[in-house]
Every structure is written in C-alpha cells, then in structure tokens.
Protein backbone atom coordinates (compact mmCIF):
# COMPACT_ATOMS: atom_id res chain seq x y z
CA UNK A 1 36.83 23.01 -36.71
CA UNK A 2 36.90 19.67 -38.89
CA UNK A 3 40.01 20.77 -40.46
CA UNK A 4 41.40 22.45 -37.89
CA UNK A 5 40.98 19.30 -35.84
CA UNK A 6 42.42 17.32 -38.66
CA UNK A 7 46.01 19.36 -38.97
CA UNK A 8 46.28 18.52 -34.70
CA UNK A 9 45.94 15.12 -35.86
CA UNK A 10 48.36 14.81 -38.61
CA UNK A 11 50.77 17.20 -36.25
CA UNK A 12 50.39 14.71 -33.30
CA UNK A 13 50.41 11.57 -35.08
CA UNK A 14 54.33 12.66 -37.08
CA UNK A 15 55.27 13.85 -33.63
CA UNK A 16 55.46 10.24 -32.27
CA UNK A 17 56.19 6.81 -33.38
CA UNK A 18 53.62 4.78 -34.08
CA UNK A 19 54.32 2.43 -31.62
CA UNK A 20 53.09 5.08 -28.89
CA UNK A 21 49.34 5.18 -29.78
CA UNK A 22 47.09 2.69 -27.92
CA UNK A 23 45.15 0.00 -29.80
CA UNK A 24 41.84 0.53 -29.16
CA UNK A 25 39.99 -2.16 -31.15
CA UNK A 26 41.37 -5.16 -32.60
CA UNK A 27 38.65 -7.53 -34.88
CA UNK A 28 39.76 -10.71 -36.09
CA UNK A 29 37.84 -10.43 -39.43
CA UNK A 30 39.08 -10.38 -43.35
CA UNK A 31 37.51 -8.20 -45.87
CA UNK A 32 37.80 -7.16 -49.60
CA UNK A 33 37.55 -3.32 -48.43
CA UNK A 34 35.92 -1.28 -45.39
CA UNK A 35 34.38 2.04 -45.25
CA UNK A 36 32.95 3.87 -42.04
CA UNK A 37 30.95 6.52 -40.66
CA UNK A 38 31.00 9.71 -38.67
CA UNK A 39 29.65 7.92 -35.57
CA UNK A 40 32.90 5.84 -35.56
CA UNK A 41 31.09 2.60 -37.16
CA UNK A 42 33.07 0.66 -39.61
CA UNK A 43 31.62 -1.68 -42.50
CA UNK A 44 33.44 -4.49 -43.35
CA UNK A 45 32.46 -5.57 -46.77
CA UNK A 46 32.99 -9.37 -48.20
CA UNK A 47 31.55 -10.72 -51.30
CA UNK A 48 28.12 -10.09 -51.04
CA UNK A 49 27.61 -9.24 -47.18
CA UNK A 50 28.32 -6.28 -45.37
CA UNK A 51 29.57 -6.62 -41.63
CA UNK A 52 28.66 -3.35 -39.19
CA UNK A 53 31.16 -2.84 -36.13
CA UNK A 54 30.14 -0.67 -33.67
CA UNK A 55 33.19 1.79 -32.03
CA UNK A 56 34.07 -0.98 -29.33
CA UNK A 57 34.77 -3.52 -31.92
CA UNK A 58 31.12 -5.50 -31.00
CA UNK A 59 29.76 -6.72 -34.23
CA UNK A 60 26.18 -4.93 -34.06
CA UNK A 61 24.72 -6.74 -37.17
CA UNK A 62 25.30 -8.41 -41.22
CA UNK A 63 23.31 -7.72 -44.35
CA UNK A 64 23.76 -9.81 -47.68
CA UNK A 65 21.47 -10.56 -50.41
CA UNK A 66 22.18 -13.36 -52.83
CA UNK A 67 20.34 -12.15 -55.73
CA UNK A 68 22.52 -9.16 -56.47
CA UNK A 69 25.86 -10.97 -56.36
CA UNK A 70 28.94 -8.79 -54.69
CA UNK A 71 28.73 -5.30 -53.36
CA UNK A 72 30.72 -3.40 -55.28
CA UNK A 73 30.55 0.02 -53.20
CA UNK A 74 29.23 1.15 -49.92
CA UNK A 75 28.39 5.00 -48.84
CA UNK A 76 28.05 5.63 -45.28
CA UNK A 77 28.10 9.51 -45.64
CA UNK A 78 24.70 9.39 -43.98
CA UNK A 79 25.15 6.46 -41.01
CA UNK A 80 20.85 6.72 -41.09
CA UNK A 81 20.83 5.54 -44.85
CA UNK A 82 23.58 3.34 -46.53
CA UNK A 83 24.00 2.94 -50.22
CA UNK A 84 25.22 -0.41 -51.50
CA UNK A 85 26.10 -0.61 -55.20
CA UNK A 86 25.47 -3.52 -57.26
CA UNK A 87 27.48 -2.98 -60.42
CA UNK A 88 26.90 -6.43 -61.88
CA UNK A 89 23.60 -5.94 -61.73
CA UNK A 90 23.11 -2.16 -61.83
CA UNK A 91 21.17 -2.14 -58.50
CA UNK A 92 21.18 -0.27 -55.67
CA UNK A 93 20.15 -1.29 -52.18
CA UNK A 94 19.31 1.20 -49.10
CA UNK A 95 19.86 0.06 -45.66
CA UNK A 96 19.04 1.92 -42.65
CA UNK A 97 21.45 2.09 -39.61
CA UNK A 98 20.15 -1.27 -38.29
CA UNK A 99 21.86 -2.87 -41.59
CA UNK A 100 17.90 -3.72 -42.64
CA UNK A 101 16.23 -2.87 -45.92
CA UNK A 102 15.15 0.96 -45.88
CA UNK A 103 12.93 0.07 -49.27
CA UNK A 104 13.12 -2.36 -52.42
CA UNK A 105 16.03 -2.77 -54.33
CA UNK A 106 16.25 -0.07 -57.16
CA UNK A 107 17.19 -0.97 -60.38
CA UNK A 108 19.01 1.83 -62.23
CA UNK A 109 18.14 0.05 -65.81
CA UNK A 110 14.71 0.71 -64.73
CA UNK A 111 15.66 4.34 -64.73
CA UNK A 112 16.91 4.49 -68.33
CA UNK A 113 20.86 4.22 -67.59
CA UNK A 114 22.53 2.33 -70.05
CA UNK A 115 25.96 1.40 -68.02
CA UNK A 116 26.03 2.28 -64.57
CA UNK A 117 29.46 2.21 -63.36
CA UNK A 118 29.48 4.22 -60.08
CA UNK A 119 27.21 5.56 -57.55
CA UNK A 120 27.29 7.05 -54.11
CA UNK A 121 24.84 9.50 -51.85
CA UNK A 122 24.11 13.08 -52.34
CA UNK A 123 22.37 15.87 -50.30
CA UNK A 124 18.80 15.59 -49.18
CA UNK A 125 18.38 11.75 -49.51
CA UNK A 126 19.53 11.51 -53.13
CA UNK A 127 21.95 10.06 -54.90
CA UNK A 128 24.68 10.17 -57.70
CA UNK A 129 25.42 8.03 -61.04
CA UNK A 130 27.39 7.87 -63.18
CA UNK A 131 27.16 5.85 -66.63
CA UNK A 132 29.84 4.88 -68.29
CA UNK A 133 28.36 4.40 -72.06
CA UNK A 134 27.11 8.29 -72.26
CA UNK A 135 29.91 9.84 -70.00
CA UNK A 136 26.94 11.26 -67.77
CA UNK A 137 27.23 12.23 -64.35
CA UNK A 138 23.40 12.15 -63.05
CA UNK A 139 21.82 13.44 -59.94
CA UNK A 140 18.19 11.80 -58.56
CA UNK A 141 15.99 12.87 -55.92
CA UNK A 142 14.87 10.35 -52.95
CA UNK A 143 11.68 9.46 -54.80
CA UNK A 144 14.08 8.42 -57.74
CA UNK A 145 13.45 11.19 -60.21
CA UNK A 146 15.97 13.06 -62.25
CA UNK A 147 16.93 15.98 -61.26
CA UNK A 148 20.49 17.11 -62.59
CA UNK A 149 22.63 15.34 -65.55
CA UNK A 150 26.06 16.29 -66.69
CA UNK A 151 25.95 14.22 -70.24
CA UNK A 152 28.94 14.36 -72.75
CA UNK A 153 31.89 14.61 -69.44
CA UNK A 154 34.58 13.14 -71.93
CA UNK A 155 33.26 16.42 -73.72
CA UNK A 156 34.11 18.90 -71.43
CA UNK A 157 37.58 17.53 -70.80
CA UNK A 158 39.13 16.55 -73.81
CA UNK A 159 38.99 12.56 -73.11
CA UNK A 160 36.89 10.06 -72.47
CA UNK A 161 37.53 8.98 -68.26
CA UNK A 162 37.59 5.81 -66.56
CA UNK A 163 36.83 6.56 -62.97
CA UNK A 164 36.73 3.95 -60.49
CA UNK A 165 35.36 5.97 -57.50
CA UNK A 166 32.40 8.69 -56.60
CA UNK A 167 31.65 10.96 -53.78
CA UNK A 168 30.17 13.87 -52.75
CA UNK A 169 31.24 16.30 -49.85
CA UNK A 170 29.80 19.58 -49.07
CA UNK A 171 29.21 21.79 -52.14
CA UNK A 172 31.30 19.24 -54.69
CA UNK A 173 31.24 16.26 -56.26
CA UNK A 174 34.62 14.23 -56.79
CA UNK A 175 35.00 11.25 -59.81
CA UNK A 176 38.18 9.56 -59.43
CA UNK A 177 39.70 9.21 -62.98
CA UNK A 178 43.25 7.13 -61.63
CA UNK A 179 45.00 8.29 -65.14
CA UNK A 180 44.38 11.95 -64.58
CA UNK A 181 43.40 12.66 -61.21
CA UNK A 182 40.18 13.57 -59.50
CA UNK A 183 37.63 15.10 -61.38
CA UNK A 184 36.07 17.88 -59.32
CA UNK A 185 32.18 19.12 -60.21
CA UNK A 186 29.40 21.44 -58.12
CA UNK A 187 26.49 20.13 -56.78
CA UNK A 188 24.69 21.40 -59.91
CA UNK A 189 27.16 19.10 -62.26
CA UNK A 190 29.38 21.72 -63.69
CA UNK A 191 33.27 20.77 -64.21
CA UNK A 192 35.32 22.90 -62.04
CA UNK A 193 38.66 20.98 -62.04
CA UNK A 194 41.24 18.65 -61.68
CA UNK A 195 43.02 17.41 -58.87
CA UNK A 196 46.48 15.93 -60.36
CA UNK A 197 46.64 12.93 -57.95
CA UNK A 198 46.68 10.03 -59.70
CA UNK A 199 46.31 6.16 -59.41
CA UNK A 200 44.08 6.11 -56.90
CA UNK A 201 41.52 3.38 -56.48
CA UNK A 202 39.52 5.62 -53.46
CA UNK A 203 39.93 8.27 -51.00
CA UNK A 204 38.24 10.26 -47.86
CA UNK A 205 37.46 13.33 -47.06
CA UNK A 206 37.50 14.99 -44.11
CA UNK A 207 36.90 19.06 -44.05
CA UNK A 208 39.07 20.34 -46.30
CA UNK A 209 41.70 17.54 -46.53
CA UNK A 210 41.59 14.79 -49.14
CA UNK A 211 43.03 11.59 -47.13
CA UNK A 212 44.68 8.56 -49.23
CA UNK A 213 46.87 5.71 -48.85
CA UNK A 214 49.83 5.84 -50.74
CA UNK A 215 53.09 4.08 -50.63
CA UNK A 216 52.85 2.89 -46.88
CA UNK A 217 52.17 6.44 -46.10
CA UNK A 218 48.37 8.51 -44.84
CA UNK A 219 48.37 11.62 -47.15
CA UNK A 220 46.49 14.38 -46.69
CA UNK A 221 45.83 17.08 -49.73
CA UNK A 222 44.39 20.52 -48.25
CA UNK A 223 41.77 21.59 -50.82
CA UNK A 224 42.77 25.17 -49.54
CA UNK A 225 46.06 24.98 -49.55
CA UNK A 226 46.95 22.83 -52.06
CA UNK A 227 49.45 21.42 -49.79
CA UNK A 228 50.40 18.01 -49.01
CA UNK A 229 51.05 16.64 -45.86
CA UNK A 230 52.13 12.43 -44.80
CA UNK A 231 52.40 10.34 -42.04
CA UNK A 232 54.25 7.11 -42.25
CA UNK A 233 52.19 3.98 -41.14
CA UNK A 234 53.00 -0.04 -41.19
CA UNK A 235 52.28 -1.06 -44.08
CA UNK A 236 53.19 -4.60 -44.16
CA UNK A 237 49.35 -6.03 -44.82
CA UNK A 238 47.38 -3.04 -44.56
CA UNK A 239 44.18 -2.93 -47.24
CA UNK A 240 42.56 0.25 -46.41
CA UNK A 241 42.73 3.08 -43.76
CA UNK A 242 40.33 5.18 -42.47
CA UNK A 243 40.20 8.26 -39.42
CA UNK A 244 37.28 8.93 -38.28
CA UNK A 245 37.00 10.44 -34.53
CA UNK A 246 40.30 10.85 -33.20
CA UNK A 247 40.68 7.10 -34.44
CA UNK A 248 43.17 5.44 -37.30
CA UNK A 249 40.96 2.76 -38.30
CA UNK A 250 43.09 0.03 -40.35
CA UNK A 251 42.05 -2.96 -42.26
CA UNK A 252 44.46 -5.42 -42.90
CA UNK A 253 44.53 -9.24 -44.09
CA UNK A 254 43.32 -10.49 -40.67
CA UNK A 255 42.32 -7.21 -38.53
CA UNK A 256 40.33 -4.37 -38.44
CA UNK A 257 42.33 -2.17 -36.25
CA UNK A 258 41.48 1.28 -34.14
CA UNK A 259 44.29 3.11 -32.85
CA UNK A 260 43.33 6.20 -30.64
CA UNK A 261 45.02 9.48 -31.63
CA UNK A 262 44.54 12.30 -29.21
C-alpha cells in the first residue's frame, strides 16, 4: 500500500509545477540536518541539540546533552524510541516521544566495540552498530545483549568499506558505502547484494522505494523493479528533504518547509 501511494505521489508531483503545491508549514530554523517519523513530526539537529516540530510546525520540545558532544545521527523510525548516536564519544542515548531520556547513556565501549562509526534502530526495540576496526555489523537487543554479529564484511565483499549511513527497514539492513553503493544484508546479517547507487550521504526508504536527493532532483529507486524515477525540486539552498504522509519536507539554510502533495 505504501509503495502504491508513493507511486501516486511521484505521478502527481511530476505532473504539476512545484509552485502549484501549497506550502503548509514554514519554520524559521537552521540545522545541520533533519529527519522525520511516520507521524509527520520533524526533528532538526544542530550541533548537540535536537528540536522536535509537530506536523503543524509548532516546536514541541528540544533536547541536548553537553557532555556527549555533537549528535552524529538520529534514527526516528520508531517515534516512541529515538536513537541518538554520538560518534566522537561512542555513545547512544534513547529518547521517548517527549524527547525525555528513556534510560541512561549507553557506552558502546562497554559493549567491547573498538570503533563504532554508525548506529540505527532495529526491530523488537534493538539496535545495530557498525564497527569500523573489525568491519563488523552487530545487532543488540533491548537489554543490550549481542544477538547477531557479522565480522569481516570486507572479506565477504572483497574490499574495505567506509560506510557513512546505516538503516534497517523491513527484513533488510542497508549499509551505505559511497564508493560502491548500498550494501544490503538480511536481518540475520547475511550479505545479499549491493545496490549501485553511489555517492550518497544518506537516504530514506518508503515502501519498496529508496528515496534520495541528487543534483536538484528527488530520486526514487524501486527495490522490486530496479527502476528509477525523478522529480525536479527547487535546489537553490536545499540541505535535505524527506517524504512523509503526503508531505514533502525540505530543510534549507534558513527554514524547514513542508509542502502538501495530494
């Protein structure tokens, strides 16, 4: 159903000029990057702070921890359990939907990980971590117990990856390696294939489609048909964009803008 709706989104969005879509929300905010959840909330990250904006554009809450440094990444796949990753200090903080700490700070070094460079939410309230030293992809459950580990990924694929983004969706885990593409693993950590989309800093998965912004265009790569679609968007000062609940969210250098696409 989500895949079908996304195809409709691309058809409608391509059929009209961008200016014909109503601007539903515009918030004056600056951030390094942003993400969103399936409820239509937006999370803008700037340095060590995260700001949660409701679909209406109202600032709901903010969170920061000065002791942990800048927030490297945020996974809001589960809006009730956000994962904040602090790469410089090799720590993870979980927040609830109020942006309150749901438990203490987790030190990945205490889990015997040498150099954790990526982290993301996993099913059943667990999480994945990528360790660059051992080229390992590791899943922990909600009790912080190791339940899955794939070591020496470099030996399986024949080169040493330098991934910059990790995401679980459905039954698959996606590890983005800009030089070669997106490495795909099943939820047990078995390497499946590489999707040859290169040079990405990150992406979004919606239904059967990988969405990403490239050269002023919103691109969609269908995982089943292996076909790409594109939509031209104004690219003057776009930092990031995402699609949620019939809305196109765009973070510029000065604003968070949300367009209705119906």
